[in-house]
Amino acid sequence: MRALLAVGLLSAPLAASASDNSLITQFCRTAVKAELQRAGTVPPEGMVDDTCRCFLAEVQNGAGIQTAQATCKAKAAETYSL
């Protein structure tokens, strides 16, 4: 079983597929909306999509999840004057 898992991991492509990116974006959108709702903030139009595009780009460029979140939250706050 371990050998099969190892072969599967070694043969998996390194780059994320389009469906992976879509799933990541869906999770991001849900998380951003939930965080804004908890804060009692209605997101300006385009903010959620912009923030999640930023997050995906940061992660694809090698940033860790927490770093990507912090970077994109800061960009959104500046861009949308939050």
PDB file of N, CA and C in Angstrom:
ATOM      1  N   MET A   1       0.827  -1.188   0.000  1.00  0.00           N
ATOM      2  CA  MET A   1       0.000   0.000   0.000  1.00  0.00           C
ATOM      3  C   MET A   1       0.873   1.255   0.000  1.00  0.00           C
ATOM      4  N   ARG A   2       1.918   1.281   0.817  1.00  0.00           N
ATOM      5  CA  ARG A   2       2.804   2.446   0.860  1.00  0.00           C
ATOM      6  C   ARG A   2       3.509   2.647  -0.466  1.00  0.00           C
ATOM      7  N   ALA A   3       3.908   1.538  -1.099  1.00  0.00           N
ATOM      8  CA  ALA A   3       4.577   1.642  -2.392  1.00  0.00           C
ATOM      9  C   ALA A   3       3.637   2.245  -3.422  1.00  0.00           C
ATOM     10  N   LEU A   4       2.382   1.858  -3.375  1.00  0.00           N
ATOM     11  CA  LEU A   4       1.394   2.386  -4.309  1.00  0.00           C
ATOM     12  C   LEU A   4       1.201   3.882  -4.075  1.00  0.00           C
ATOM     13  N   LEU A   5       1.132   4.293  -2.831  1.00  0.00           N
ATOM     14  CA  LEU A   5       0.993   5.695  -2.492  1.00  0.00           C
ATOM     15  C   LEU A   5       2.213   6.482  -2.967  1.00  0.00           C
ATOM     16  N   ALA A   6       3.391   5.946  -2.745  1.00  0.00           N
ATOM     17  CA  ALA A   6       4.623   6.614  -3.172  1.00  0.00           C
ATOM     18  C   ALA A   6       4.658   6.778  -4.681  1.00  0.00           C
ATOM     19  N   VAL A   7       4.266   5.756  -5.418  1.00  0.00           N
ATOM     20  CA  VAL A   7       4.234   5.849  -6.884  1.00  0.00           C
ATOM     21  C   VAL A   7       3.230   6.911  -7.311  1.00  0.00           C
ATOM     22  N   GLY A   8       2.078   6.942  -6.647  1.00  0.00           N
ATOM     23  CA  GLY A   8       1.063   7.942  -6.974  1.00  0.00           C
ATOM     24  C   GLY A   8       1.551   9.349  -6.717  1.00  0.00           C
ATOM     25  N   LEU A   9       2.242   9.560  -5.605  1.00  0.00           N
ATOM     26  CA  LEU A   9       2.761  10.887  -5.294  1.00  0.00           C
ATOM     27  C   LEU A   9       3.865  11.301  -6.253  1.00  0.00           C
ATOM     28  N   LEU A  10       4.707  10.364  -6.635  1.00  0.00           N
ATOM     29  CA  LEU A  10       5.795  10.687  -7.544  1.00  0.00           C
ATOM     30  C   LEU A  10       5.301  10.963  -8.961  1.00  0.00           C
ATOM     31  N   SER A  11       4.202  10.332  -9.339  1.00  0.00           N
ATOM     32  CA  SER A  11       3.697  10.526 -10.694  1.00  0.00           C
ATOM     33  C   SER A  11       2.728  11.697 -10.785  1.00  0.00           C
ATOM     34  N   ALA A  12       2.336  12.289  -9.665  1.00  0.00           N
ATOM     35  CA  ALA A  12       1.417  13.428  -9.683  1.00  0.00           C
ATOM     36  C   ALA A  12       2.123  14.647 -10.249  1.00  0.00           C
ATOM     37  N   PRO A  13       1.415  15.422 -11.063  1.00  0.00           N
ATOM     38  CA  PRO A  13       2.031  16.633 -11.619  1.00  0.00           C
ATOM     39  C   PRO A  13       2.318  17.640 -10.517  1.00  0.00           C
ATOM     40  N   LEU A  14       3.367  18.406 -10.682  1.00  0.00           N
ATOM     41  CA  LEU A  14       3.758  19.383  -9.676  1.00  0.00           C
ATOM     42  C   LEU A  14       2.876  20.618  -9.721  1.00  0.00           C
ATOM     43  N   ALA A  15       2.462  21.027 -10.908  1.00  0.00           N
ATOM     44  CA  ALA A  15       1.642  22.216 -11.033  1.00  0.00           C
ATOM     45  C   ALA A  15       0.185  21.875 -10.722  1.00  0.00           C
ATOM     46  N   ALA A  16      -0.500  22.842 -10.153  1.00  0.00           N
ATOM     47  CA  ALA A  16      -1.917  22.639  -9.863  1.00  0.00           C
ATOM     48  C   ALA A  16      -2.712  22.683 -11.153  1.00  0.00           C
ATOM     49  N   SER A  17      -3.704  21.833 -11.240  1.00  0.00           N
ATOM     50  CA  SER A  17      -4.555  21.818 -12.422  1.00  0.00           C
ATOM     51  C   SER A  17      -5.598  22.926 -12.314  1.00  0.00           C
ATOM     52  N   ALA A  18      -6.287  23.171 -13.410  1.00  0.00           N
ATOM     53  CA  ALA A  18      -7.321  24.199 -13.419  1.00  0.00           C
ATOM     54  C   ALA A  18      -8.417  23.872 -12.406  1.00  0.00           C
ATOM     55  N   SER A  19      -8.761  22.592 -12.267  1.00  0.00           N
ATOM     56  CA  SER A  19      -9.796  22.228 -11.303  1.00  0.00           C
ATOM     57  C   SER A  19      -9.319  22.457  -9.872  1.00  0.00           C
ATOM     58  N   ASP A  20      -8.030  22.242  -9.613  1.00  0.00           N
ATOM     59  CA  ASP A  20      -7.474  22.537  -8.287  1.00  0.00           C
ATOM     60  C   ASP A  20      -7.570  24.033  -8.004  1.00  0.00           C
ATOM     61  N   ASN A  21      -7.218  24.835  -9.006  1.00  0.00           N
ATOM     62  CA  ASN A  21      -7.284  26.286  -8.845  1.00  0.00           C
ATOM     63  C   ASN A  21      -8.716  26.742  -8.585  1.00  0.00           C
ATOM     64  N   SER A  22      -9.665  26.122  -9.271  1.00  0.00           N
ATOM     65  CA  SER A  22     -11.069  26.461  -9.073  1.00  0.00           C
ATOM     66  C   SER A  22     -11.510  26.126  -7.658  1.00  0.00           C
ATOM     67  N   LEU A  23     -11.084  24.992  -7.162  1.00  0.00           N
ATOM     68  CA  LEU A  23     -11.438  24.574  -5.806  1.00  0.00           C
ATOM     69  C   LEU A  23     -10.814  25.512  -4.772  1.00  0.00           C
ATOM     70  N   ILE A  24      -9.556  25.856  -4.983  1.00  0.00           N
ATOM     71  CA  ILE A  24      -8.878  26.787  -4.074  1.00  0.00           C
ATOM     72  C   ILE A  24      -9.606  28.131  -4.075  1.00  0.00           C
ATOM     73  N   THR A  25      -9.992  28.594  -5.254  1.00  0.00           N
ATOM     74  CA  THR A  25     -10.698  29.865  -5.362  1.00  0.00           C
ATOM     75  C   THR A  25     -12.050  29.804  -4.659  1.00  0.00           C
ATOM     76  N   GLN A  26     -12.764  28.692  -4.791  1.00  0.00           N
ATOM     77  CA  GLN A  26     -14.049  28.537  -4.101  1.00  0.00           C
ATOM     78  C   GLN A  26     -13.874  28.600  -2.587  1.00  0.00           C
ATOM     79  N   PHE A  27     -12.875  27.882  -2.074  1.00  0.00           N
ATOM     80  CA  PHE A  27     -12.612  27.919  -0.636  1.00  0.00           C
ATOM     81  C   PHE A  27     -12.226  29.330  -0.193  1.00  0.00           C
ATOM     82  N   CYS A  28     -11.419  29.990  -0.989  1.00  0.00           N
ATOM     83  CA  CYS A  28     -10.994  31.352  -0.668  1.00  0.00           C
ATOM     84  C   CYS A  28     -12.199  32.275  -0.606  1.00  0.00           C
ATOM     85  N   ARG A  29     -13.047  32.220  -1.622  1.00  0.00           N
ATOM     86  CA  ARG A  29     -14.237  33.083  -1.659  1.00  0.00           C
ATOM     87  C   ARG A  29     -15.112  32.862  -0.423  1.00  0.00           C
ATOM     88  N   THR A  30     -15.304  31.612  -0.052  1.00  0.00           N
ATOM     89  CA  THR A  30     -16.110  31.287   1.119  1.00  0.00           C
ATOM     90  C   THR A  30     -15.471  31.851   2.386  1.00  0.00           C
ATOM     91  N   ALA A  31     -14.163  31.700   2.510  1.00  0.00           N
ATOM     92  CA  ALA A  31     -13.453  32.180   3.696  1.00  0.00           C
ATOM     93  C   ALA A  31     -13.460  33.707   3.783  1.00  0.00           C
ATOM     94  N   VAL A  32     -13.242  34.375   2.663  1.00  0.00           N
ATOM     95  CA  VAL A  32     -13.227  35.842   2.664  1.00  0.00           C
ATOM     96  C   VAL A  32     -14.613  36.373   3.020  1.00  0.00           C
ATOM     97  N   LYS A  33     -15.645  35.816   2.409  1.00  0.00           N
ATOM     98  CA  LYS A  33     -17.012  36.261   2.702  1.00  0.00           C
ATOM     99  C   LYS A  33     -17.360  36.031   4.164  1.00  0.00           C
ATOM    100  N   ALA A  34     -16.976  34.881   4.711  1.00  0.00           N
ATOM    101  CA  ALA A  34     -17.268  34.572   6.111  1.00  0.00           C
ATOM    102  C   ALA A  34     -16.553  35.540   7.046  1.00  0.00           C
ATOM    103  N   GLU A  35     -15.305  35.840   6.744  1.00  0.00           N
ATOM    104  CA  GLU A  35     -14.548  36.761   7.596  1.00  0.00           C
ATOM    105  C   GLU A  35     -15.151  38.162   7.560  1.00  0.00           C
ATOM    106  N   LEU A  36     -15.549  38.600   6.388  1.00  0.00           N
ATOM    107  CA  LEU A  36     -16.172  39.914   6.271  1.00  0.00           C
ATOM    108  C   LEU A  36     -17.525  39.951   6.986  1.00  0.00           C
ATOM    109  N   GLN A  37     -18.264  38.871   6.874  1.00  0.00           N
ATOM    110  CA  GLN A  37     -19.567  38.794   7.541  1.00  0.00           C
ATOM    111  C   GLN A  37     -19.391  38.854   9.063  1.00  0.00           C
ATOM    112  N   ARG A  38     -18.391  38.130   9.585  1.00  0.00           N
ATOM    113  CA  ARG A  38     -18.111  38.169  11.030  1.00  0.00           C
ATOM    114  C   ARG A  38     -17.762  39.579  11.481  1.00  0.00           C
ATOM    115  N   ALA A  39     -17.084  40.323  10.588  1.00  0.00           N
ATOM    116  CA  ALA A  39     -16.683  41.688  10.927  1.00  0.00           C
ATOM    117  C   ALA A  39     -17.820  42.689  10.686  1.00  0.00           C
ATOM    118  N   GLY A  40     -18.942  42.203  10.133  1.00  0.00           N
ATOM    119  CA  GLY A  40     -20.062  43.090   9.861  1.00  0.00           C
ATOM    120  C   GLY A  40     -19.814  44.015   8.685  1.00  0.00           C
ATOM    121  N   THR A  41     -18.974  43.580   7.758  1.00  0.00           N
ATOM    122  CA  THR A  41     -18.605  44.396   6.600  1.00  0.00           C
ATOM    123  C   THR A  41     -19.195  43.814   5.332  1.00  0.00           C
ATOM    124  N   VAL A  42     -19.802  44.663   4.536  1.00  0.00           N
ATOM    125  CA  VAL A  42     -20.290  44.245   3.228  1.00  0.00           C
ATOM    126  C   VAL A  42     -19.156  44.519   2.238  1.00  0.00           C
ATOM    127  N   PRO A  43     -18.689  43.482   1.543  1.00  0.00           N
ATOM    128  CA  PRO A  43     -17.546  43.693   0.647  1.00  0.00           C
ATOM    129  C   PRO A  43     -17.912  44.551  -0.562  1.00  0.00           C
ATOM    130  N   PRO A  44     -17.069  45.515  -0.897  1.00  0.00           N
ATOM    131  CA  PRO A  44     -17.294  46.275  -2.119  1.00  0.00           C
ATOM    132  C   PRO A  44     -17.240  45.339  -3.331  1.00  0.00           C
ATOM    133  N   GLU A  45     -17.917  45.713  -4.389  1.00  0.00           N
ATOM    134  CA  GLU A  45     -17.939  44.880  -5.582  1.00  0.00           C
ATOM    135  C   GLU A  45     -16.518  44.629  -6.086  1.00  0.00           C
ATOM    136  N   GLY A  46     -16.234  43.380  -6.369  1.00  0.00           N
ATOM    137  CA  GLY A  46     -14.935  42.977  -6.908  1.00  0.00           C
ATOM    138  C   GLY A  46     -13.902  42.603  -5.864  1.00  0.00           C
ATOM    139  N   MET A  47     -14.137  42.961  -4.621  1.00  0.00           N
ATOM    140  CA  MET A  47     -13.128  42.736  -3.578  1.00  0.00           C
ATOM    141  C   MET A  47     -12.850  41.255  -3.338  1.00  0.00           C
ATOM    142  N   VAL A  48     -13.897  40.461  -3.238  1.00  0.00           N
ATOM    143  CA  VAL A  48     -13.710  39.035  -2.953  1.00  0.00           C
ATOM    144  C   VAL A  48     -12.929  38.386  -4.098  1.00  0.00           C
ATOM    145  N   ASP A  49     -13.327  38.653  -5.324  1.00  0.00           N
ATOM    146  CA  ASP A  49     -12.633  38.066  -6.475  1.00  0.00           C
ATOM    147  C   ASP A  49     -11.187  38.534  -6.554  1.00  0.00           C
ATOM    148  N   ASP A  50     -10.951  39.836  -6.355  1.00  0.00           N
ATOM    149  CA  ASP A  50      -9.587  40.364  -6.400  1.00  0.00           C
ATOM    150  C   ASP A  50      -8.719  39.727  -5.323  1.00  0.00           C
ATOM    151  N   THR A  51      -9.269  39.602  -4.120  1.00  0.00           N
ATOM    152  CA  THR A  51      -8.516  39.029  -3.012  1.00  0.00           C
ATOM    153  C   THR A  51      -8.155  37.575  -3.296  1.00  0.00           C
ATOM    154  N   CYS A  52      -9.090  36.828  -3.864  1.00  0.00           N
ATOM    155  CA  CYS A  52      -8.828  35.411  -4.131  1.00  0.00           C
ATOM    156  C   CYS A  52      -7.893  35.216  -5.324  1.00  0.00           C
ATOM    157  N   ARG A  53      -7.948  36.109  -6.299  1.00  0.00           N
ATOM    158  CA  ARG A  53      -6.963  36.049  -7.401  1.00  0.00           C
ATOM    159  C   ARG A  53      -5.567  36.316  -6.855  1.00  0.00           C
ATOM    160  N   CYS A  54      -5.480  37.284  -5.956  1.00  0.00           N
ATOM    161  CA  CYS A  54      -4.209  37.602  -5.307  1.00  0.00           C
ATOM    162  C   CYS A  54      -3.694  36.385  -4.542  1.00  0.00           C
ATOM    163  N   PHE A  55      -4.560  35.776  -3.752  1.00  0.00           N
ATOM    164  CA  PHE A  55      -4.175  34.620  -2.945  1.00  0.00           C
ATOM    165  C   PHE A  55      -3.655  33.486  -3.826  1.00  0.00           C
ATOM    166  N   LEU A  56      -4.387  33.168  -4.870  1.00  0.00           N
ATOM    167  CA  LEU A  56      -3.978  32.087  -5.768  1.00  0.00           C
ATOM    168  C   LEU A  56      -2.635  32.402  -6.413  1.00  0.00           C
ATOM    169  N   ALA A  57      -2.452  33.633  -6.865  1.00  0.00           N
ATOM    170  CA  ALA A  57      -1.183  34.027  -7.491  1.00  0.00           C
ATOM    171  C   ALA A  57      -0.027  33.925  -6.499  1.00  0.00           C
ATOM    172  N   GLU A  58      -0.248  34.382  -5.278  1.00  0.00           N
ATOM    173  CA  GLU A  58       0.805  34.320  -4.254  1.00  0.00           C
ATOM    174  C   GLU A  58       1.214  32.875  -3.976  1.00  0.00           C
ATOM    175  N   VAL A  59       0.233  32.006  -3.817  1.00  0.00           N
ATOM    176  CA  VAL A  59       0.524  30.599  -3.535  1.00  0.00           C
ATOM    177  C   VAL A  59       1.226  29.949  -4.729  1.00  0.00           C
ATOM    178  N   GLN A  60       0.770  30.249  -5.933  1.00  0.00           N
ATOM    179  CA  GLN A  60       1.409  29.686  -7.128  1.00  0.00           C
ATOM    180  C   GLN A  60       2.850  30.166  -7.266  1.00  0.00           C
ATOM    181  N   ASN A  61       3.137  31.344  -6.730  1.00  0.00           N
ATOM    182  CA  ASN A  61       4.500  31.881  -6.788  1.00  0.00           C
ATOM    183  C   ASN A  61       5.360  31.458  -5.605  1.00  0.00           C
ATOM    184  N   GLY A  62       4.839  30.534  -4.789  1.00  0.00           N
ATOM    185  CA  GLY A  62       5.657  29.947  -3.738  1.00  0.00           C
ATOM    186  C   GLY A  62       5.421  30.447  -2.329  1.00  0.00           C
ATOM    187  N   ALA A  63       4.497  31.396  -2.157  1.00  0.00           N
ATOM    188  CA  ALA A  63       4.217  31.889  -0.809  1.00  0.00           C
ATOM    189  C   ALA A  63       3.458  30.823  -0.022  1.00  0.00           C
ATOM    190  N   GLY A  64       3.673  30.794   1.253  1.00  0.00           N
ATOM    191  CA  GLY A  64       2.902  29.915   2.114  1.00  0.00           C
ATOM    192  C   GLY A  64       1.490  30.462   2.272  1.00  0.00           C
ATOM    193  N   ILE A  65       0.598  29.639   2.765  1.00  0.00           N
ATOM    194  CA  ILE A  65      -0.800  30.034   2.887  1.00  0.00           C
ATOM    195  C   ILE A  65      -0.960  31.251   3.799  1.00  0.00           C
ATOM    196  N   GLN A  66      -0.327  31.232   4.950  1.00  0.00           N
ATOM    197  CA  GLN A  66      -0.475  32.355   5.884  1.00  0.00           C
ATOM    198  C   GLN A  66       0.126  33.637   5.312  1.00  0.00           C
ATOM    199  N   THR A  67       1.244  33.523   4.623  1.00  0.00           N
ATOM    200  CA  THR A  67       1.864  34.695   3.999  1.00  0.00           C
ATOM    201  C   THR A  67       0.967  35.245   2.896  1.00  0.00           C
ATOM    202  N   ALA A  68       0.426  34.355   2.081  1.00  0.00           N
ATOM    203  CA  ALA A  68      -0.471  34.779   1.001  1.00  0.00           C
ATOM    204  C   ALA A  68      -1.713  35.460   1.578  1.00  0.00           C
ATOM    205  N   GLN A  69      -2.265  34.896   2.643  1.00  0.00           N
ATOM    206  CA  GLN A  69      -3.437  35.506   3.276  1.00  0.00           C
ATOM    207  C   GLN A  69      -3.111  36.909   3.767  1.00  0.00           C
ATOM    208  N   ALA A  70      -2.019  37.044   4.482  1.00  0.00           N
ATOM    209  CA  ALA A  70      -1.652  38.348   5.044  1.00  0.00           C
ATOM    210  C   ALA A  70      -1.397  39.372   3.945  1.00  0.00           C
ATOM    211  N   THR A  71      -0.669  38.966   2.909  1.00  0.00           N
ATOM    212  CA  THR A  71      -0.360  39.860   1.796  1.00  0.00           C
ATOM    213  C   THR A  71      -1.637  40.340   1.116  1.00  0.00           C
ATOM    214  N   CYS A  72      -2.528  39.416   0.847  1.00  0.00           N
ATOM    215  CA  CYS A  72      -3.729  39.755   0.090  1.00  0.00           C
ATOM    216  C   CYS A  72      -4.748  40.509   0.930  1.00  0.00           C
ATOM    217  N   LYS A  73      -4.802  40.234   2.230  1.00  0.00           N
ATOM    218  CA  LYS A  73      -5.663  41.008   3.112  1.00  0.00           C
ATOM    219  C   LYS A  73      -5.196  42.466   3.148  1.00  0.00           C
ATOM    220  N   ALA A  74      -3.890  42.639   3.240  1.00  0.00           N
ATOM    221  CA  ALA A  74      -3.332  44.000   3.272  1.00  0.00           C
ATOM    222  C   ALA A  74      -3.606  44.730   1.955  1.00  0.00           C
ATOM    223  N   LYS A  75      -3.435  44.043   0.837  1.00  0.00           N
ATOM    224  CA  LYS A  75      -3.705  44.663  -0.469  1.00  0.00           C
ATOM    225  C   LYS A  75      -5.182  45.045  -0.584  1.00  0.00           C
ATOM    226  N   ALA A  76      -6.064  44.150  -0.145  1.00  0.00           N
ATOM    227  CA  ALA A  76      -7.497  44.429  -0.222  1.00  0.00           C
ATOM    228  C   ALA A  76      -7.866  45.622   0.674  1.00  0.00           C
ATOM    229  N   ALA A  77      -7.314  45.655   1.875  1.00  0.00           N
ATOM    230  CA  ALA A  77      -7.605  46.758   2.786  1.00  0.00           C
ATOM    231  C   ALA A  77      -7.166  48.089   2.193  1.00  0.00           C
ATOM    232  N   GLU A  78      -6.023  48.087   1.538  1.00  0.00           N
ATOM    233  CA  GLU A  78      -5.523  49.318   0.925  1.00  0.00           C
ATOM    234  C   GLU A  78      -6.346  49.695  -0.306  1.00  0.00           C
ATOM    235  N   THR A  79      -6.588  48.724  -1.178  1.00  0.00           N
ATOM    236  CA  THR A  79      -7.302  48.979  -2.428  1.00  0.00           C
ATOM    237  C   THR A  79      -8.740  49.421  -2.181  1.00  0.00           C
ATOM    238  N   TYR A  80      -9.390  48.784  -1.215  1.00  0.00           N
ATOM    239  CA  TYR A  80     -10.806  49.041  -0.967  1.00  0.00           C
ATOM    240  C   TYR A  80     -11.041  49.911   0.263  1.00  0.00           C
ATOM    241  N   SER A  81      -9.986  50.543   0.761  1.00  0.00           N
ATOM    242  CA  SER A  81     -10.071  51.481   1.896  1.00  0.00           C
ATOM    243  C   SER A  81     -10.853  50.911   3.082  1.00  0.00           C
ATOM    244  N   LEU A  82     -10.454  49.717   3.503  1.00  0.00           N
ATOM    245  CA  LEU A  82     -11.111  49.091   4.661  1.00  0.00           C
ATOM    246  C   LEU A  82     -10.299  49.293   5.913  1.00  0.00           C
TER     247      LEU A  82
END
